[in-house]
Amino acid sequence: MYTRFYVLLCLGSLGIFAAAAQPDSIMLKDIQWNTNAPAKSTELFIPSGASLLAGLIYQPNGNEKHPTLLLLHGYPGNERNLDIAQVVRAHGWNVIYFDYRGSWGSQGKFSFTNCVEDVVNVVAFCHRYSDSLHIDTANIALFGHSMGGWVCLQALARLPAVKKGFALSTWNIGLDFKKVMNAKERIDLIAKSGNSTKYFVLNTSLSDLFGPVMTHPERYEPATHAALLAKKSIVMLDEHHRNEVIATAIRAQHPADFDYEVWNTDHPFSNKRVSLMNKVLAFLEK
């Protein structure tokens, strides 16, 4: 009888652990408080160009150097993915969130090009303050959502030492403008994209923001730079199939280290947050 009960108990326990391992489940526990070097959050002001970016670093326990994830928000950036920041920090990573130049109070002029340069400058900041911020500069990864997914892919192409990028619901800015056929369609697209501009973008007109894209849309299309992403580790996750052109171009460069999936969800992955967290953790820890 006891043997049978023990077997049933073990099987039940295995069932619990199996359920916890499913993509829509996640097991979390509080971070054990380290009185000598506790987990914390610190405001950052990061130089980029002649401006300062408003930022924040989430740090885990310990004075040793930690791998570090940069969170790249979208346009305008209402979804900051800070739930992912907390989970990743709980797994021993630093996480840096920042606002691009000209957005959400950061100084300077907002432009798509500046967003990419801001990431390059934040990585340089990580190197400069690696000791005080406990950053393992050999293990920096990028996570970007929407426009941030575009920024992630563009910045990876400019950062040879950064090997990992997770692009969620990437906005293919260049392809959107390449597809429009006439001036009216372009004006309509700019107007649609500009609804949030007056609330979060500083010192930037719509013509300044979108003019370069209209003139050279190919420069803003990640597939054009796929060769620069060779040997990188990349995940692309979408809620639609419109980014197949990017996925096809990247896959051609390094098919063994690229993952592209389309999930049944909306743009901010509202019903897939736990599955998304598990996907990000698995990507960072491999």
Protein backbone atom coordinates (compact mmCIF):
# COMPACT_ATOMS: atom_id res chain seq x y z
CA MET A 1 0.00 0.00 0.00
CA TYR A 2 2.78 2.43 0.97
CA THR A 3 4.72 1.52 -2.17
CA ARG A 4 1.69 2.23 -4.31
CA PHE A 5 1.10 5.53 -2.51
CA TYR A 6 4.74 6.51 -3.00
CA VAL A 7 4.57 5.71 -6.72
CA LEU A 8 1.38 7.74 -7.09
CA LEU A 9 2.95 10.63 -5.18
CA CYS A 10 6.03 10.56 -7.42
CA LEU A 11 3.91 10.44 -10.53
CA GLY A 12 1.83 13.33 -9.24
CA SER A 13 4.96 15.33 -8.53
CA LEU A 14 6.29 14.61 -12.00
CA GLY A 15 2.98 15.83 -13.39
CA ILE A 16 3.33 19.09 -11.48
CA PHE A 17 6.87 19.63 -12.77
CA ALA A 18 5.81 18.70 -16.32
CA ALA A 19 2.99 21.23 -16.16
CA ALA A 20 5.40 23.87 -14.90
CA ALA A 21 7.67 23.20 -17.84
CA GLN A 22 4.98 23.87 -20.43
CA PRO A 23 5.41 27.00 -22.57
CA ASP A 24 2.45 28.72 -20.88
CA SER A 25 3.76 28.16 -17.35
CA ILE A 26 6.65 29.70 -15.48
CA MET A 27 8.01 29.06 -11.98
CA LEU A 28 9.33 32.09 -10.12
CA LYS A 29 10.51 32.71 -6.59
CA ASP A 30 11.60 35.79 -4.73
CA ILE A 31 15.25 36.76 -5.08
CA GLN A 32 17.12 35.69 -1.93
CA TRP A 33 18.24 38.92 -0.26
CA ASN A 34 22.00 39.42 -0.38
CA THR A 35 22.92 41.89 2.35
CA ASN A 36 26.41 42.45 0.92
CA ALA A 37 25.41 43.01 -2.72
CA PRO A 38 21.61 43.04 -3.03
CA ALA A 39 19.56 43.16 -6.18
CA LYS A 40 18.56 46.74 -7.00
CA SER A 41 17.47 49.22 -9.64
CA THR A 42 19.45 52.35 -10.50
CA GLU A 43 18.63 55.34 -12.69
CA LEU A 44 21.04 55.95 -15.57
CA PHE A 45 21.77 58.98 -17.72
CA ILE A 46 23.58 57.68 -20.78
CA PRO A 47 25.46 59.97 -23.21
CA SER A 48 24.46 59.64 -26.84
CA GLY A 49 25.64 62.22 -29.30
CA ALA A 50 25.38 65.53 -27.47
CA SER A 51 22.38 64.30 -25.46
CA LEU A 52 21.57 62.23 -22.39
CA LEU A 53 19.28 59.20 -22.53
CA ALA A 54 17.06 58.50 -19.54
CA GLY A 55 17.53 54.89 -18.48
CA LEU A 56 17.32 52.32 -15.72
CA ILE A 57 19.36 49.24 -14.86
CA TYR A 58 17.87 46.25 -13.05
CA GLN A 59 20.68 44.41 -11.25
CA PRO A 60 20.65 40.94 -9.64
CA ASN A 61 22.44 39.89 -6.47
CA GLY A 62 26.21 39.85 -6.38
CA ASN A 63 29.26 41.99 -7.13
CA GLU A 64 30.45 39.73 -9.94
CA LYS A 65 29.92 40.85 -13.53
CA HIS A 66 26.61 39.72 -15.01
CA PRO A 67 25.41 39.16 -18.57
CA THR A 68 23.32 42.13 -19.65
CA LEU A 69 20.15 42.51 -21.75
CA LEU A 70 19.23 45.82 -23.40
CA LEU A 71 15.47 46.42 -23.80
CA LEU A 72 14.61 48.40 -26.95
CA HIS A 73 11.10 49.82 -26.96
CA GLY A 74 8.90 50.49 -29.96
CA TYR A 75 7.24 53.52 -31.53
CA PRO A 76 6.16 55.26 -29.38
CA GLY A 77 7.04 52.76 -26.66
CA ASN A 78 3.88 52.29 -24.62
CA GLU A 79 4.79 48.59 -24.18
CA ARG A 80 8.07 48.64 -22.30
CA ASN A 81 8.28 44.86 -21.59
CA LEU A 82 9.41 45.49 -18.03
CA ASP A 83 7.76 42.24 -16.94
CA ILE A 84 10.46 40.53 -18.99
CA ALA A 85 13.09 42.71 -17.31
CA GLN A 86 12.06 41.48 -13.86
CA VAL A 87 12.07 37.81 -14.89
CA VAL A 88 15.44 38.06 -16.66
CA ARG A 89 16.94 39.87 -13.64
CA ALA A 90 15.66 37.07 -11.39
CA HIS A 91 17.72 34.67 -13.54
CA GLY A 92 20.96 36.53 -12.85
CA TRP A 93 21.06 39.08 -15.66
CA ASN A 94 21.38 42.84 -15.65
CA VAL A 95 18.67 44.49 -17.72
CA ILE A 96 18.99 48.04 -19.07
CA TYR A 97 15.93 49.92 -20.27
CA PHE A 98 16.35 53.35 -21.85
CA ASP A 99 14.42 55.85 -23.97
CA TYR A 100 15.87 56.90 -27.32
CA ARG A 101 16.90 60.47 -27.98
CA GLY A 102 13.86 62.71 -28.23
CA SER A 103 11.46 60.21 -26.67
CA TRP A 104 9.79 60.11 -23.27
CA GLY A 105 11.97 62.86 -21.79
CA SER A 106 15.38 61.85 -23.15
CA GLN A 107 17.28 64.78 -24.61
CA GLY A 108 17.95 65.33 -28.30
CA LYS A 109 16.22 64.78 -31.60
CA PHE A 110 14.35 61.61 -32.40
CA SER A 111 15.12 59.81 -35.65
CA PHE A 112 15.22 56.18 -36.69
CA THR A 113 18.94 56.48 -37.38
CA ASN A 114 19.51 58.04 -33.97
CA CYS A 115 17.69 55.13 -32.32
CA VAL A 116 20.23 52.69 -33.77
CA GLU A 117 23.13 54.97 -32.82
CA ASP A 118 21.71 55.19 -29.29
CA VAL A 119 22.03 51.41 -28.93
CA VAL A 120 25.64 51.57 -30.12
CA ASN A 121 26.28 54.32 -27.56
CA VAL A 122 24.58 52.39 -24.75
CA VAL A 123 26.83 49.40 -25.49
CA ALA A 124 29.84 51.74 -25.31
CA PHE A 125 28.48 53.01 -21.97
CA CYS A 126 28.31 49.41 -20.74
CA HIS A 127 31.98 48.95 -21.59
CA ARG A 128 32.96 52.22 -19.94
CA TYR A 129 31.18 51.42 -16.68
CA SER A 130 31.47 47.63 -16.71
CA ASP A 131 33.20 47.58 -13.31
CA SER A 132 30.84 49.87 -11.40
CA LEU A 133 27.69 48.41 -13.00
CA HIS A 134 28.99 44.81 -12.89
CA ILE A 135 28.49 44.21 -16.63
CA ASP A 136 30.02 41.25 -18.43
CA THR A 137 30.70 43.03 -21.71
CA ALA A 138 31.42 39.72 -23.46
CA ASN A 139 27.79 38.75 -22.91
CA ILE A 140 25.48 41.58 -24.00
CA ALA A 141 22.20 40.78 -25.77
CA LEU A 142 19.46 42.88 -27.36
CA PHE A 143 15.69 42.52 -27.11
CA GLY A 144 13.53 44.81 -29.24
CA HIS A 145 9.79 45.11 -29.76
CA SER A 146 8.07 46.58 -32.85
CA MET A 147 10.26 49.48 -33.97
CA GLY A 148 12.64 48.19 -31.29
CA GLY A 149 12.80 44.90 -33.20
CA TRP A 150 13.92 46.88 -36.24
CA VAL A 151 16.43 48.76 -34.07
CA CYS A 152 17.65 45.43 -32.67
CA LEU A 153 18.44 44.01 -36.12
CA GLN A 154 19.99 47.25 -37.39
CA ALA A 155 22.15 47.64 -34.27
CA LEU A 156 23.30 44.01 -34.38
CA ALA A 157 24.63 44.71 -37.86
CA ARG A 158 26.77 47.52 -36.40
CA LEU A 159 27.96 45.75 -33.25
CA PRO A 160 30.33 42.88 -34.12
CA ALA A 161 30.90 41.97 -30.46
CA VAL A 162 27.18 41.66 -29.63
CA LYS A 163 26.14 38.21 -30.76
CA LYS A 164 22.52 37.82 -29.60
CA GLY A 165 19.33 39.60 -30.65
CA PHE A 166 15.63 38.89 -30.04
CA ALA A 167 13.33 40.78 -32.44
CA LEU A 168 9.66 40.75 -31.42
CA SER A 169 6.98 41.93 -33.88
CA THR A 170 9.55 43.81 -35.95
CA TRP A 171 8.34 46.90 -37.80
CA ASN A 172 9.93 46.73 -41.24
CA ILE A 173 10.05 50.48 -41.73
CA GLY A 174 11.74 50.42 -45.12
CA LEU A 175 9.40 47.84 -46.63
CA ASP A 176 6.31 49.77 -45.50
CA PHE A 177 7.47 52.81 -47.43
CA LYS A 178 8.76 50.83 -50.39
CA LYS A 179 5.30 49.34 -50.89
CA VAL A 180 3.41 52.62 -51.18
CA MET A 181 2.67 53.57 -54.78
CA ASN A 182 1.93 57.29 -54.80
CA ALA A 183 2.28 60.51 -52.85
CA LYS A 184 -1.15 60.28 -51.24
CA GLU A 185 -0.46 56.79 -49.89
CA ARG A 186 2.81 58.01 -48.45
CA ILE A 187 1.10 60.98 -46.78
CA ASP A 188 -1.56 58.66 -45.35
CA LEU A 189 1.13 56.28 -44.02
CA ILE A 190 3.03 59.15 -42.40
CA ALA A 191 -0.17 60.50 -40.85
CA LYS A 192 -1.02 57.07 -39.44
CA SER A 193 2.48 56.61 -38.05
CA GLY A 194 2.52 60.17 -36.72
CA ASN A 195 -0.50 59.95 -34.41
CA SER A 196 1.72 59.40 -31.38
CA THR A 197 4.52 61.69 -32.50
CA LYS A 198 3.19 64.87 -30.91
CA TYR A 199 3.04 63.12 -27.54
CA PHE A 200 6.42 61.44 -27.30
CA VAL A 201 8.82 62.75 -29.94
CA LEU A 202 10.69 65.99 -29.23
CA ASN A 203 12.20 68.43 -31.72
CA THR A 204 11.27 66.32 -34.75
CA SER A 205 8.90 67.10 -37.57
CA LEU A 206 7.16 64.36 -39.53
CA SER A 207 9.04 65.41 -42.66
CA ASP A 208 12.39 65.17 -40.84
CA LEU A 209 11.44 61.80 -39.38
CA PHE A 210 10.03 60.09 -42.46
CA GLY A 211 11.74 62.03 -45.26
CA PRO A 212 14.93 59.91 -45.21
CA VAL A 213 12.86 56.72 -45.26
CA MET A 214 10.90 57.87 -48.29
CA THR A 215 14.10 58.82 -50.09
CA HIS A 216 16.05 55.63 -49.34
CA PRO A 217 13.64 52.95 -48.04
CA GLU A 218 16.17 50.19 -48.75
CA ARG A 219 18.45 51.56 -46.01
CA TYR A 220 15.66 50.96 -43.50
CA GLU A 221 14.91 47.39 -44.56
CA PRO A 222 16.70 44.78 -42.37
CA ALA A 223 16.83 42.22 -45.20
CA THR A 224 19.23 44.54 -47.02
CA HIS A 225 21.79 44.13 -44.21
CA ALA A 226 21.31 40.40 -43.60
CA ALA A 227 24.92 39.60 -44.58
CA LEU A 228 26.09 41.65 -41.57
CA LEU A 229 24.07 39.37 -39.30
CA ALA A 230 26.01 36.26 -40.21
CA LYS A 231 27.18 34.23 -37.21
CA LYS A 232 24.76 36.06 -34.90
CA SER A 233 22.24 34.24 -32.72
CA ILE A 234 18.81 35.65 -33.57
CA VAL A 235 15.20 34.95 -32.69
CA MET A 236 12.40 36.57 -34.67
CA LEU A 237 8.91 36.19 -33.23
CA ASP A 238 5.84 37.66 -34.92
CA GLU A 239 2.05 37.73 -34.87
CA HIS A 240 1.88 37.79 -38.69
CA HIS A 241 3.82 36.49 -41.68
CA ARG A 242 4.74 39.86 -43.19
CA ASN A 243 8.34 39.61 -42.00
CA GLU A 244 9.05 36.45 -43.98
CA VAL A 245 11.26 38.54 -46.26
CA ILE A 246 13.54 39.42 -43.31
CA ALA A 247 13.51 35.86 -41.99
CA THR A 248 14.38 34.41 -45.39
CA ALA A 249 17.31 36.78 -45.83
CA ILE A 250 18.71 36.10 -42.33
CA ARG A 251 18.18 32.35 -42.56
CA ALA A 252 20.28 32.31 -45.72
CA GLN A 253 23.24 33.64 -43.72
CA HIS A 254 23.23 31.26 -40.73
CA PRO A 255 20.45 28.68 -40.83
CA ALA A 256 21.82 26.77 -37.84
CA ASP A 257 21.43 29.65 -35.37
CA PHE A 258 18.20 31.38 -36.34
CA ASP A 259 14.68 30.83 -35.06
CA TYR A 260 11.60 32.35 -36.69
CA GLU A 261 8.08 31.71 -35.41
CA VAL A 262 4.62 33.20 -35.84
CA TRP A 263 2.24 32.95 -32.88
CA ASN A 264 -1.51 33.46 -32.69
CA THR A 265 -1.56 36.73 -30.75
CA ASP A 266 -1.65 40.51 -31.12
CA HIS A 267 1.14 43.03 -31.61
CA PRO A 268 2.13 43.34 -27.90
CA PHE A 269 1.67 39.57 -27.35
CA SER A 270 -1.04 40.30 -24.78
CA ASN A 271 -2.13 36.67 -24.36
CA LYS A 272 1.36 35.17 -24.60
CA ARG A 273 3.41 36.95 -21.95
CA VAL A 274 4.47 33.84 -20.04
CA SER A 275 5.27 31.91 -23.21
CA LEU A 276 7.26 34.93 -24.36
CA MET A 277 9.20 35.06 -21.08
CA ASN A 278 10.10 31.38 -21.42
CA LYS A 279 11.18 31.94 -25.01
CA VAL A 280 13.43 34.84 -24.00
CA LEU A 281 14.96 32.91 -21.07
CA ALA A 282 15.69 29.87 -23.22
CA PHE A 283 17.31 32.13 -25.83
CA LEU A 284 19.50 33.94 -23.29
CA GLU A 285 20.57 30.79 -21.45
CA LYS A 286 21.56 28.65 -24.44
